[in-house]
Amino acid sequence: MVSAPATEELYDATGVIQRLYEHYDGRDVGFAAVVASHFSAILFNADDRVRELPSLDVHHPPEAYTNGTLVRFRAMIQDTSLSPELYVAELSNHRCGGWGLSASDSSEASDSVGYQDLQELTAMWAVSVPAESAWHVEEASPLVSSFPAHVPLRPHKFPIPDASHIGVQIKMYDNQSAQLLKPTDIVTFVGILSSEPVCAEFSSPSEVPVLHVICHQTITESPQNIKEPRSVRRELICWISEHVLGGDDLAVEWLLLQLSSKVHTRSMAFLPPSLTLSRFPPPPHPNMLPTLSYALSELLQKYMPVSLSLELLNTKSFTPESREEDLHSGYLQLPAGTTILLTESALREGNVTEKGLMNIRAIQEIMTSQTLHYTFPFSRFTFETDISAIVLVEGRKSTFFQEGCFHLHTTSLNVPLQSTVDSNLYRSKEEVAWPSPGKLAIFRSFIKACKATTGKVKVSEAASKYIQEDFVRQRQEDKTTTPDDLIHLMRAARLLAASYLQEEVTIEVWEKTKELEAARKSRAASLNIGT
């Protein structure tokens, strides 16, 4: 339990920092780490006291607060390539100069500062978490605001064009901790808010909001316990089948496996494949989103629909690129755990430019290797991703994206949709028969738990022996069966076990996996679609 005096300290963070500095002997850890440890103990504890701090978000923008306010900012790191900065670490009379204190002290003459008083801080750029569903944003911070709509000063540093967001320059004084952070990490920063002229790397002369970080926490969310998971699973499948995918239970089964997937190992053989729902009917009107998009936005914490068109592919950036020493974002610079829905109904005949080909290749690399390239003037760096892709196509296969095996990795599973004749797959959000708020919350927690379980699934010894013997029999009966088929079935079996919240692939799970795969292949074969 945090004491009342400790809580009251948060109203005078700069005073607390000064008092800590007065008692700092400089012999153990760096002072910035002392500050971070002190405030983390108060804020990031079982009581989750950090939520009592004012939130920095689109409904509570930087201009809503005065300089010097202690705020929390739940953000995604967008750019770590900013140059380090020097600051005056100690002012006269043994006073602390970090966390913006030296900038606010006009009495400190610049010629009185010695080299020994200077230290280096880490600068980076962070933005509101992109692709975060509205319901999850509301859970993190109440959507109450009397301020005009915030106009971001550097919109090119956000992955989604024209989307409302907050962008802030982050200054971290604990350099050792800062080195552990990387682009697309989701972090809760706690710091002292100010504004400063934009740094030399940027061409704009305007001031930008700056957060002098006193402590931070990388966000990891623990799933809730789900009572009667099999019952919840069945209810979820029935609801999606009836109200979203026109009664196609098989397609929903494979969709649930896709929603349960996450990267738990970087072995190519175990990276989750993307899912292609082929034979998906076109929208009755241009630019209409399928009901599936609304459903995913209500079920998933991080979700983004992308309507592919030649104009989008040929003119927009899907990967981050440095221009004039400023890293511009791209559609695919998204946090781990994001699901993207790619629709091809807006594609028309025309030419794909070099930029379009690069964008298509970037999406394909997300699907095949879960990596994304960041381009700089004289170099290119590859960063790991964890993005789940679902593709909706009207025909038998995607126009752009490969299916089948690529270096022992099935890049996309093709499930032809077979909805009922009278089904409407393009209901508006208002027309959908949504579950009750309580049931919807259970569905969300269930999917979250499935993802968490995926990385824990093992194969029991008995099941392993059974699977080996069973696969030998399959190869004897069907000479076209290859080791790649076993890899695919094992991957699907792990996801199926996770979708039941089981941490073990059993013989029952294996047999159920074979049934799902046989049904998928049978349907595809009847429509002359490759698997």
Protein backbone atom coordinates (compact mmCIF):
# COMPACT_ATOMS: atom_id res chain seq x y z
CA MET A 1 0.00 0.00 0.00
CA VAL A 2 1.37 3.44 -0.93
CA SER A 3 1.47 5.95 1.91
CA ALA A 4 -0.38 9.25 1.66
CA PRO A 5 2.85 11.32 1.71
CA ALA A 6 4.20 9.25 -1.19
CA THR A 7 1.05 9.96 -3.19
CA GLU A 8 1.23 13.67 -2.39
CA GLU A 9 4.77 13.76 -3.78
CA LEU A 10 3.30 13.40 -7.26
CA TYR A 11 1.96 16.93 -7.08
CA ASP A 12 5.52 18.23 -6.79
CA ALA A 13 7.63 15.91 -8.93
CA THR A 14 10.40 18.49 -9.47
CA GLY A 15 10.63 19.05 -5.72
CA VAL A 16 10.94 15.32 -5.15
CA ILE A 17 13.70 15.09 -7.77
CA GLN A 18 15.59 17.90 -6.05
CA ARG A 19 15.31 16.21 -2.65
CA LEU A 20 16.50 12.91 -4.12
CA TYR A 21 19.44 14.75 -5.70
CA GLU A 22 20.43 16.32 -2.39
CA HIS A 23 20.73 12.85 -0.84
CA TYR A 24 22.38 11.22 -3.86
CA ASP A 25 25.99 10.18 -3.16
CA GLY A 26 26.83 9.24 -6.75
CA ARG A 27 28.55 5.99 -5.85
CA ASP A 28 26.02 3.33 -6.82
CA VAL A 29 23.68 3.60 -9.81
CA GLY A 30 23.18 6.68 -11.94
CA PHE A 31 20.90 9.37 -10.58
CA ALA A 32 18.35 8.93 -13.39
CA ALA A 33 17.96 5.29 -12.39
CA VAL A 34 17.41 6.39 -8.76
CA VAL A 35 14.63 8.73 -9.90
CA ALA A 36 13.04 6.03 -12.07
CA SER A 37 13.15 3.48 -9.25
CA HIS A 38 11.62 5.92 -6.76
CA PHE A 39 8.67 6.93 -8.93
CA SER A 40 8.14 3.42 -10.36
CA ALA A 41 7.68 2.08 -6.83
CA ILE A 42 4.92 4.62 -6.28
CA LEU A 43 3.18 4.42 -9.65
CA PHE A 44 3.69 0.96 -11.16
CA ASN A 45 2.45 -1.23 -8.33
CA ALA A 46 -0.50 -3.47 -7.56
CA ASP A 47 -2.68 -0.40 -6.94
CA ASP A 48 -1.89 0.88 -10.46
CA ARG A 49 -1.48 4.40 -9.09
CA VAL A 50 -0.26 5.60 -12.47
CA ARG A 51 -3.88 5.80 -13.66
CA GLU A 52 -4.43 8.65 -11.19
CA LEU A 53 -2.13 10.88 -13.21
CA PRO A 54 -3.51 13.10 -16.00
CA SER A 55 -3.47 11.28 -19.33
CA LEU A 56 -1.91 12.60 -22.52
CA ASP A 57 -4.10 11.53 -25.46
CA VAL A 58 -6.26 12.93 -28.26
CA HIS A 59 -8.98 13.85 -25.76
CA HIS A 60 -6.45 15.38 -23.36
CA PRO A 61 -3.84 16.93 -25.71
CA PRO A 62 -0.63 18.70 -24.62
CA GLU A 63 -2.29 22.10 -24.87
CA ALA A 64 -4.74 21.00 -22.16
CA TYR A 65 -1.93 21.18 -19.59
CA THR A 66 0.50 23.82 -18.40
CA ASN A 67 4.22 23.27 -18.71
CA GLY A 68 5.57 21.38 -15.71
CA THR A 69 2.53 19.10 -15.33
CA LEU A 70 3.29 15.48 -14.48
CA VAL A 71 1.39 13.32 -17.00
CA ARG A 72 1.25 9.75 -18.27
CA PHE A 73 1.48 8.95 -21.97
CA ARG A 74 0.57 5.51 -23.29
CA ALA A 75 2.42 5.48 -26.57
CA MET A 76 4.16 3.58 -29.34
CA ILE A 77 7.80 4.42 -29.98
CA GLN A 78 8.04 5.57 -33.59
CA ASP A 79 11.60 6.87 -34.02
CA THR A 80 14.73 6.08 -32.02
CA SER A 81 17.12 7.62 -34.56
CA LEU A 82 17.07 11.13 -33.06
CA SER A 83 20.49 12.38 -32.00
CA PRO A 84 21.37 12.33 -28.28
CA GLU A 85 21.29 15.69 -26.52
CA LEU A 86 23.47 17.28 -23.88
CA TYR A 87 21.94 18.84 -20.78
CA VAL A 88 23.25 20.55 -17.66
CA ALA A 89 23.08 17.81 -15.05
CA GLU A 90 24.04 19.97 -12.06
CA LEU A 91 23.24 23.63 -11.51
CA SER A 92 24.78 25.96 -8.95
CA ASN A 93 24.25 25.26 -5.25
CA HIS A 94 24.20 21.51 -5.94
CA ARG A 95 20.82 21.61 -7.66
CA CYS A 96 19.64 19.06 -10.21
CA GLY A 97 19.47 20.29 -13.79
CA GLY A 98 17.81 17.38 -15.55
CA TRP A 99 14.14 16.86 -16.48
CA GLY A 100 13.87 20.34 -17.96
CA LEU A 101 14.98 22.06 -14.74
CA SER A 102 18.07 23.65 -16.32
CA ALA A 103 15.99 25.10 -19.16
CA SER A 104 13.60 26.69 -16.67
CA ASP A 105 16.38 28.22 -14.58
CA SER A 106 17.12 31.54 -16.30
CA SER A 107 19.56 32.54 -13.55
CA GLU A 108 22.04 29.88 -14.63
CA ALA A 109 24.56 31.63 -16.86
CA SER A 110 25.72 29.52 -19.78
CA ASP A 111 29.36 30.53 -19.27
CA SER A 112 29.31 29.21 -15.71
CA VAL A 113 28.58 25.65 -16.87
CA GLY A 114 31.58 23.35 -16.94
CA TYR A 115 32.10 20.30 -19.10
CA GLN A 116 31.89 18.11 -16.00
CA ASP A 117 28.33 19.37 -15.45
CA LEU A 118 27.11 18.09 -18.82
CA GLN A 119 25.51 14.74 -19.40
CA GLU A 120 23.81 13.06 -22.34
CA LEU A 121 20.15 12.11 -22.68
CA THR A 122 18.36 9.88 -25.17
CA ALA A 123 15.76 11.50 -27.45
CA MET A 124 13.07 9.65 -29.38
CA TRP A 125 9.65 10.26 -30.89
CA ALA A 126 6.52 8.54 -29.62
CA VAL A 127 2.93 8.60 -30.86
CA SER A 128 -0.48 7.47 -29.72
CA VAL A 129 -0.80 3.70 -30.14
CA PRO A 130 -1.86 3.24 -33.79
CA ALA A 131 -4.62 0.80 -34.77
CA GLU A 132 -5.88 0.68 -31.20
CA SER A 133 -9.61 -0.04 -31.10
CA ALA A 134 -11.85 2.69 -29.71
CA TRP A 135 -13.18 0.51 -26.88
CA HIS A 136 -9.65 -0.25 -25.68
CA VAL A 137 -8.65 3.42 -25.82
CA GLU A 138 -11.68 4.26 -23.71
CA GLU A 139 -10.69 1.64 -21.13
CA ALA A 140 -7.23 3.21 -20.87
CA SER A 141 -8.52 6.78 -20.54
CA PRO A 142 -12.08 8.17 -20.30
CA LEU A 143 -13.12 9.97 -23.47
CA VAL A 144 -14.01 13.27 -21.80
CA SER A 145 -12.69 16.52 -23.20
CA SER A 146 -13.70 20.13 -23.63
CA PHE A 147 -10.73 20.98 -25.85
CA PRO A 148 -10.85 21.52 -29.61
CA ALA A 149 -9.63 18.71 -31.82
CA HIS A 150 -5.88 18.37 -31.53
CA VAL A 151 -3.85 19.09 -34.68
CA PRO A 152 -0.67 16.97 -34.63
CA LEU A 153 2.43 18.94 -35.54
CA ARG A 154 4.25 16.09 -37.29
CA PRO A 155 1.54 13.94 -38.90
CA HIS A 156 4.01 12.12 -41.16
CA LYS A 157 5.37 10.32 -38.10
CA PHE A 158 2.09 8.45 -37.56
CA PRO A 159 1.43 5.23 -39.55
CA ILE A 160 -2.18 5.98 -40.44
CA PRO A 161 -2.63 9.08 -42.61
CA ASP A 162 -5.12 11.72 -41.43
CA ALA A 163 -5.80 9.85 -38.17
CA SER A 164 -6.14 11.85 -34.98
CA HIS A 165 -3.21 11.24 -32.65
CA ILE A 166 -0.65 12.74 -30.29
CA GLY A 167 3.03 12.99 -31.16
CA VAL A 168 5.59 13.83 -28.49
CA GLN A 169 9.36 14.12 -28.31
CA ILE A 170 10.53 11.86 -25.51
CA LYS A 171 13.62 12.74 -23.47
CA MET A 172 14.99 9.93 -21.34
CA TYR A 173 17.69 10.58 -18.78
CA ASP A 174 18.13 6.92 -17.84
CA ASN A 175 20.11 6.05 -20.97
CA GLN A 176 20.66 2.43 -19.98
CA SER A 177 16.90 1.79 -19.84
CA ALA A 178 16.36 3.79 -23.02
CA GLN A 179 18.65 1.47 -24.97
CA LEU A 180 16.26 -1.41 -24.27
CA LEU A 181 13.41 0.31 -26.09
CA LYS A 182 12.87 -0.14 -29.82
CA PRO A 183 10.45 1.07 -32.49
CA THR A 184 6.82 -0.14 -32.15
CA ASP A 185 7.21 -0.95 -28.44
CA ILE A 186 4.15 0.15 -26.45
CA VAL A 187 5.24 2.02 -23.35
CA THR A 188 3.61 3.99 -20.57
CA PHE A 189 5.79 7.05 -20.04
CA VAL A 190 5.46 9.23 -16.95
CA GLY A 191 7.13 12.59 -17.22
CA ILE A 192 7.12 16.35 -16.89
CA LEU A 193 5.44 18.02 -19.86
CA SER A 194 6.96 21.01 -21.62
CA SER A 195 7.36 22.41 -25.11
CA GLU A 196 10.58 23.24 -26.92
CA PRO A 197 11.68 24.41 -30.37
CA VAL A 198 11.87 21.44 -32.68
CA CYS A 199 15.39 19.93 -32.79
CA ALA A 200 17.84 20.48 -35.65
CA GLU A 201 16.93 17.29 -37.52
CA PHE A 202 13.50 18.70 -38.31
CA SER A 203 12.87 21.49 -40.79
CA SER A 204 9.74 22.91 -39.17
CA PRO A 205 10.38 25.96 -36.95
CA SER A 206 7.46 25.27 -34.62
CA GLU A 207 7.67 24.03 -31.04
CA VAL A 208 6.75 20.47 -30.19
CA PRO A 209 5.49 18.91 -26.97
CA VAL A 210 8.30 17.33 -24.96
CA LEU A 211 8.02 14.78 -22.17
CA HIS A 212 10.91 14.64 -19.71
CA VAL A 213 10.54 11.03 -18.58
CA ILE A 214 11.02 10.24 -14.91
CA CYS A 215 9.95 6.58 -15.22
CA HIS A 216 8.37 4.25 -17.72
CA GLN A 217 6.94 0.75 -18.07
CA THR A 218 6.78 -1.43 -21.16
CA ILE A 219 3.20 -2.63 -21.39
CA THR A 220 2.52 -6.32 -20.95
CA GLU A 221 -1.05 -7.35 -20.31
CA SER A 222 -2.00 -10.47 -18.38
CA PRO A 223 -5.05 -12.36 -19.66
CA GLN A 224 -7.98 -12.99 -17.37
CA ASN A 225 -9.09 -16.45 -16.34
CA ILE A 226 -11.91 -17.67 -18.58
CA LYS A 227 -14.60 -19.83 -17.04
CA GLU A 228 -15.84 -22.68 -19.25
CA PRO A 229 -13.61 -21.80 -22.25
CA ARG A 230 -15.16 -24.46 -24.51
CA SER A 231 -18.58 -22.93 -24.00
CA VAL A 232 -17.25 -19.41 -24.67
CA ARG A 233 -15.46 -20.65 -27.78
CA ARG A 234 -18.63 -22.21 -29.15
CA GLU A 235 -20.66 -19.06 -28.44
CA LEU A 236 -18.08 -16.87 -30.16
CA ILE A 237 -17.99 -19.09 -33.25
CA CYS A 238 -21.79 -19.19 -33.43
CA TRP A 239 -22.08 -15.41 -33.13
CA ILE A 240 -19.46 -14.67 -35.82
CA SER A 241 -20.92 -17.35 -38.09
CA GLU A 242 -24.50 -16.14 -37.78
CA HIS A 243 -24.02 -12.38 -37.74
CA VAL A 244 -20.73 -11.80 -39.57
CA LEU A 245 -19.79 -14.56 -42.05
CA GLY A 246 -23.16 -15.78 -43.31
CA GLY A 247 -23.33 -19.09 -41.43
CA ASP A 248 -19.94 -20.45 -42.53
CA ASP A 249 -18.72 -22.32 -39.44
CA LEU A 250 -15.63 -23.69 -41.18
CA ALA A 251 -14.41 -20.22 -42.16
CA VAL A 252 -14.99 -19.02 -38.60
CA GLU A 253 -12.97 -21.94 -37.18
CA TRP A 254 -9.98 -20.95 -39.31
CA LEU A 255 -10.56 -17.27 -38.53
CA LEU A 256 -10.39 -18.05 -34.80
CA LEU A 257 -7.08 -19.86 -35.30
CA GLN A 258 -5.79 -16.75 -37.08
CA LEU A 259 -6.97 -14.50 -34.24
CA SER A 260 -5.24 -16.83 -31.75
CA SER A 261 -1.90 -16.63 -33.54
CA LYS A 262 1.16 -14.67 -32.47
CA VAL A 263 4.88 -14.89 -33.05
CA HIS A 264 6.34 -17.01 -30.25
CA THR A 265 9.46 -18.17 -32.08
CA ARG A 266 11.39 -16.78 -35.03
CA SER A 267 11.76 -20.17 -36.68
CA MET A 268 10.33 -19.85 -40.20
CA ALA A 269 8.54 -23.17 -39.80
CA PHE A 270 6.50 -21.86 -36.88
CA LEU A 271 5.66 -18.32 -37.95
CA PRO A 272 1.88 -17.97 -38.18
CA PRO A 273 0.56 -17.85 -41.76
CA SER A 274 -1.84 -15.23 -43.02
CA LEU A 275 -5.44 -16.15 -43.83
CA THR A 276 -7.10 -15.60 -47.19
CA LEU A 277 -10.89 -15.70 -47.32
CA SER A 278 -11.52 -16.20 -51.03
CA ARG A 279 -14.86 -16.05 -52.88
CA PHE A 280 -15.77 -13.11 -50.64
CA PRO A 281 -18.56 -11.15 -52.37
CA PRO A 282 -17.86 -7.55 -53.47
CA PRO A 283 -19.45 -4.65 -51.57
CA PRO A 284 -22.78 -3.37 -52.91
CA HIS A 285 -21.31 0.15 -52.91
CA PRO A 286 -17.71 1.35 -53.27
CA ASN A 287 -15.67 1.86 -50.10
CA MET A 288 -18.08 -0.15 -47.94
CA LEU A 289 -16.43 -2.13 -45.17
CA PRO A 290 -17.57 -5.72 -44.61
CA THR A 291 -19.31 -6.56 -41.35
CA LEU A 292 -16.21 -8.59 -40.48
CA SER A 293 -14.27 -5.33 -40.13
CA TYR A 294 -16.69 -3.97 -37.54
CA ALA A 295 -16.64 -7.27 -35.67
CA LEU A 296 -12.84 -7.36 -35.52
CA SER A 297 -12.72 -3.75 -34.31
CA GLU A 298 -15.00 -4.71 -31.40
CA LEU A 299 -13.20 -7.97 -30.57
CA LEU A 300 -9.52 -7.03 -30.92
CA GLN A 301 -7.45 -4.48 -29.02
CA LYS A 302 -5.37 -3.53 -32.08
CA TYR A 303 -6.94 -3.75 -35.51
CA MET A 304 -6.63 -1.85 -38.81
CA PRO A 305 -8.54 -2.30 -42.09
CA VAL A 306 -6.68 -1.43 -45.30
CA SER A 307 -8.64 -1.12 -48.54
CA LEU A 308 -6.02 -1.84 -51.18
CA SER A 309 -6.19 0.19 -54.36
CA LEU A 310 -3.64 1.08 -57.02
CA GLU A 311 -3.71 4.69 -55.88
CA LEU A 312 -2.94 3.69 -52.29
CA LEU A 313 -0.18 1.27 -53.26
CA ASN A 314 1.42 3.64 -55.78
CA THR A 315 1.36 6.82 -53.68
CA LYS A 316 1.48 5.95 -49.97
CA SER A 317 4.31 4.49 -47.89
CA PHE A 318 3.90 1.16 -46.15
CA THR A 319 7.40 1.16 -44.62
CA PRO A 320 9.23 3.81 -42.56
CA GLU A 321 11.67 5.94 -44.53
CA SER A 322 14.08 8.65 -43.42
CA ARG A 323 13.77 11.90 -45.37
CA GLU A 324 15.96 14.88 -44.54
CA GLU A 325 17.06 13.12 -41.34
CA ASP A 326 13.47 12.65 -40.19
CA LEU A 327 11.93 9.17 -40.06
CA HIS A 328 8.54 9.19 -41.80
CA SER A 329 6.22 6.39 -40.76
CA GLY A 330 4.38 3.87 -42.97
CA TYR A 331 1.18 1.84 -42.81
CA LEU A 332 2.98 -1.24 -41.48
CA GLN A 333 4.84 0.43 -38.60
CA LEU A 334 2.42 -1.12 -36.12
CA PRO A 335 2.79 -2.56 -32.61
CA ALA A 336 3.01 -6.29 -31.99
CA GLY A 337 -0.34 -8.02 -31.79
CA THR A 338 -2.02 -5.90 -34.48
CA THR A 339 -4.38 -7.59 -36.95
CA ILE A 340 -4.76 -6.03 -40.40
CA LEU A 341 -7.65 -6.75 -42.76
CA LEU A 342 -6.60 -6.30 -46.40
CA THR A 343 -9.48 -6.00 -48.85
CA GLU A 344 -8.96 -6.12 -52.62
CA SER A 345 -12.43 -5.05 -53.79
CA ALA A 346 -11.19 -1.53 -54.69
CA LEU A 347 -8.51 -2.82 -57.08
CA ARG A 348 -9.00 -1.90 -60.73
CA GLU A 349 -6.98 -2.42 -63.87
CA GLY A 350 -3.88 -0.27 -64.12
CA ASN A 351 -0.14 -0.13 -63.64
CA VAL A 352 1.74 -0.80 -60.43
CA THR A 353 4.61 1.64 -60.03
CA GLU A 354 7.97 0.87 -58.42
CA LYS A 355 6.68 2.29 -55.14
CA GLY A 356 3.61 0.06 -55.42
CA LEU A 357 5.80 -3.00 -55.93
CA MET A 358 7.84 -2.05 -52.87
CA ASN A 359 4.67 -1.76 -50.81
CA ILE A 360 3.37 -5.13 -52.03
CA ARG A 361 6.74 -6.68 -51.21
CA ALA A 362 6.62 -5.15 -47.71
CA ILE A 363 3.21 -6.71 -47.02
CA GLN A 364 4.43 -10.05 -48.37
CA GLU A 365 7.47 -9.94 -46.07
CA ILE A 366 5.19 -9.34 -43.09
CA MET A 367 3.30 -12.48 -44.10
CA THR A 368 6.35 -14.65 -44.81
CA SER A 369 9.01 -13.57 -42.34
CA GLN A 370 7.35 -11.09 -39.93
CA THR A 371 9.94 -8.41 -40.68
CA LEU A 372 9.76 -4.81 -41.84
CA HIS A 373 12.51 -2.70 -43.42
CA TYR A 374 13.31 0.83 -42.24
CA THR A 375 15.06 2.81 -44.97
CA PHE A 376 17.72 5.43 -44.24
CA PRO A 377 19.84 7.43 -46.73
CA PHE A 378 22.81 5.06 -46.71
CA SER A 379 21.46 1.96 -44.99
CA ARG A 380 18.44 -0.20 -44.37
CA PHE A 381 17.58 -1.92 -41.10
CA THR A 382 15.23 -4.84 -40.57
CA PHE A 383 12.97 -4.91 -37.52
CA GLU A 384 10.92 -7.83 -36.28
CA THR A 385 7.13 -7.59 -36.37
CA ASP A 386 4.15 -9.54 -35.04
CA ILE A 387 1.28 -8.58 -37.35
CA SER A 388 -1.55 -10.92 -38.27
CA ALA A 389 -2.90 -10.52 -41.81
CA ILE A 390 -6.33 -11.46 -43.15
CA VAL A 391 -6.98 -10.97 -46.86
CA LEU A 392 -10.45 -10.79 -48.46
CA VAL A 393 -10.55 -11.57 -52.18
CA GLU A 394 -13.43 -11.92 -54.59
CA GLY A 395 -11.84 -14.57 -56.78
CA ARG A 396 -10.03 -17.82 -56.10
CA LYS A 397 -6.83 -16.24 -54.82
CA SER A 398 -5.22 -12.91 -53.99
CA THR A 399 -4.14 -10.62 -56.80
CA PHE A 400 -0.80 -9.84 -55.19
CA PHE A 401 0.06 -12.16 -52.32
CA GLN A 402 1.60 -15.60 -52.62
CA GLU A 403 -0.01 -18.74 -51.33
CA GLY A 404 1.56 -22.12 -50.75
CA CYS A 405 5.02 -22.82 -49.33
CA PHE A 406 7.96 -20.46 -49.14
CA HIS A 407 11.09 -21.88 -47.54
CA LEU A 408 9.05 -24.47 -45.61
CA HIS A 409 6.54 -21.82 -44.57
CA THR A 410 2.94 -21.70 -45.76
CA THR A 411 2.48 -18.00 -46.45
CA SER A 412 -1.31 -18.02 -46.59
CA LEU A 413 -4.13 -20.43 -45.90
CA ASN A 414 -6.93 -20.12 -48.43
CA VAL A 415 -10.43 -20.77 -47.11
CA PRO A 416 -13.18 -20.25 -49.74
CA LEU A 417 -16.19 -18.64 -48.13
CA GLN A 418 -19.51 -20.47 -48.42
CA SER A 419 -22.15 -18.24 -46.89
CA THR A 420 -25.89 -18.74 -47.18
CA VAL A 421 -27.60 -17.26 -50.23
CA ASP A 422 -29.57 -14.64 -48.29
CA SER A 423 -26.71 -13.56 -46.01
CA ASN A 424 -25.60 -9.93 -45.93
CA LEU A 425 -21.85 -9.66 -45.34
CA TYR A 426 -21.93 -5.85 -45.52
CA ARG A 427 -24.25 -4.87 -42.69
CA SER A 428 -23.43 -1.52 -41.18
CA LYS A 429 -22.26 -1.38 -37.59
CA GLU A 430 -25.70 -0.20 -36.51
CA GLU A 431 -27.39 -3.17 -38.20
CA VAL A 432 -25.28 -5.83 -36.45
CA ALA A 433 -26.92 -7.79 -33.64
CA TRP A 434 -24.13 -7.29 -31.10
CA PRO A 435 -23.73 -9.45 -28.01
CA SER A 436 -24.48 -7.83 -24.67
CA PRO A 437 -21.65 -5.65 -23.28
CA GLY A 438 -20.86 -8.34 -20.71
CA LYS A 439 -20.70 -11.10 -23.34
CA LEU A 440 -18.62 -8.93 -25.66
CA ALA A 441 -16.14 -8.33 -22.83
CA ILE A 442 -15.89 -12.11 -22.32
CA PHE A 443 -15.24 -12.64 -26.05
CA ARG A 444 -12.47 -10.03 -25.96
CA SER A 445 -10.86 -11.60 -22.92
CA PHE A 446 -11.14 -15.03 -24.51
CA ILE A 447 -9.30 -14.00 -27.71
CA LYS A 448 -6.66 -12.28 -25.60
CA ALA A 449 -6.24 -15.47 -23.57
CA CYS A 450 -5.94 -17.54 -26.75
CA LYS A 451 -3.04 -15.38 -27.94
CA ALA A 452 -1.33 -15.68 -24.57
CA THR A 453 -1.74 -19.46 -24.61
CA THR A 454 -0.26 -19.87 -28.09
CA GLY A 455 3.31 -19.42 -26.91
CA LYS A 456 2.86 -21.99 -24.13
CA VAL A 457 1.50 -24.92 -26.14
CA LYS A 458 3.56 -28.11 -26.01
CA VAL A 459 3.04 -31.54 -27.52
CA SER A 460 2.53 -34.36 -25.03
CA GLU A 461 4.77 -37.40 -25.33
CA ALA A 462 1.83 -39.68 -26.09
CA ALA A 463 0.50 -37.29 -28.74
CA SER A 464 3.95 -36.90 -30.29
CA LYS A 465 4.31 -40.64 -30.78
CA TYR A 466 0.76 -40.90 -32.13
CA ILE A 467 1.29 -38.02 -34.58
CA GLN A 468 4.51 -39.51 -35.94
CA GLU A 469 2.90 -42.90 -36.53
CA ASP A 470 -0.23 -41.30 -37.96
CA PHE A 471 1.73 -39.16 -40.39
CA VAL A 472 3.72 -42.18 -41.60
CA ARG A 473 0.39 -43.87 -42.39
CA GLN A 474 -0.79 -40.76 -44.24
CA ARG A 475 2.31 -40.73 -46.45
CA GLN A 476 1.88 -44.41 -47.22
CA GLU A 477 -1.74 -43.84 -48.24
CA ASP A 478 -1.12 -40.57 -50.11
CA LYS A 479 2.23 -40.24 -51.87
CA THR A 480 1.69 -36.51 -52.43
CA THR A 481 1.93 -35.83 -48.68
CA THR A 482 5.18 -34.05 -47.79
CA PRO A 483 6.98 -33.01 -44.58
CA ASP A 484 5.65 -29.50 -45.25
CA ASP A 485 2.15 -30.87 -44.64
CA LEU A 486 3.24 -32.10 -41.21
CA ILE A 487 4.71 -28.69 -40.38
CA HIS A 488 1.46 -27.00 -41.41
CA LEU A 489 -0.70 -29.44 -39.43
CA MET A 490 1.48 -29.08 -36.32
CA ARG A 491 1.24 -25.30 -36.52
CA ALA A 492 -2.53 -25.50 -36.89
CA ALA A 493 -2.77 -28.02 -34.04
CA ARG A 494 -0.93 -25.68 -31.69
CA LEU A 495 -3.28 -22.84 -32.61
CA LEU A 496 -6.30 -25.10 -32.22
CA ALA A 497 -5.14 -26.15 -28.74
CA ALA A 498 -4.63 -22.48 -27.84
CA SER A 499 -8.14 -21.67 -29.10
CA TYR A 500 -9.43 -24.10 -26.45
CA LEU A 501 -7.04 -22.51 -23.91
CA GLN A 502 -5.20 -25.82 -23.69
CA GLU A 503 -1.44 -25.76 -23.22
CA GLU A 504 -0.96 -29.19 -24.75
CA VAL A 505 -1.60 -30.73 -28.15
CA THR A 506 -3.48 -33.92 -27.42
CA ILE A 507 -4.55 -36.74 -29.71
CA GLU A 508 -8.05 -35.25 -29.70
CA VAL A 509 -6.68 -31.87 -30.86
CA TRP A 510 -4.62 -33.55 -33.57
CA GLU A 511 -7.65 -35.42 -34.95
CA LYS A 512 -9.77 -32.26 -34.86
CA THR A 513 -7.00 -30.40 -36.75
CA LYS A 514 -6.98 -33.06 -39.48
CA GLU A 515 -10.76 -32.75 -39.79
CA LEU A 516 -10.57 -28.98 -40.24
CA GLU A 517 -7.78 -29.30 -42.81
CA ALA A 518 -9.61 -32.02 -44.72
CA ALA A 519 -12.76 -29.90 -44.85
CA ARG A 520 -10.77 -26.88 -46.03
CA LYS A 521 -9.00 -28.86 -48.76
CA SER A 522 -12.22 -30.53 -49.86
CA ARG A 523 -14.01 -27.21 -50.23
CA ALA A 524 -11.08 -25.67 -52.11
CA ALA A 525 -10.83 -28.67 -54.44
CA SER A 526 -14.55 -28.50 -55.24
CA LEU A 527 -14.02 -24.91 -56.40
CA ASN A 528 -10.74 -25.67 -58.17
CA ILE A 529 -8.78 -23.52 -55.72
CA GLY A 530 -5.22 -24.34 -54.69
CA THR A 531 -4.52 -24.97 -51.00
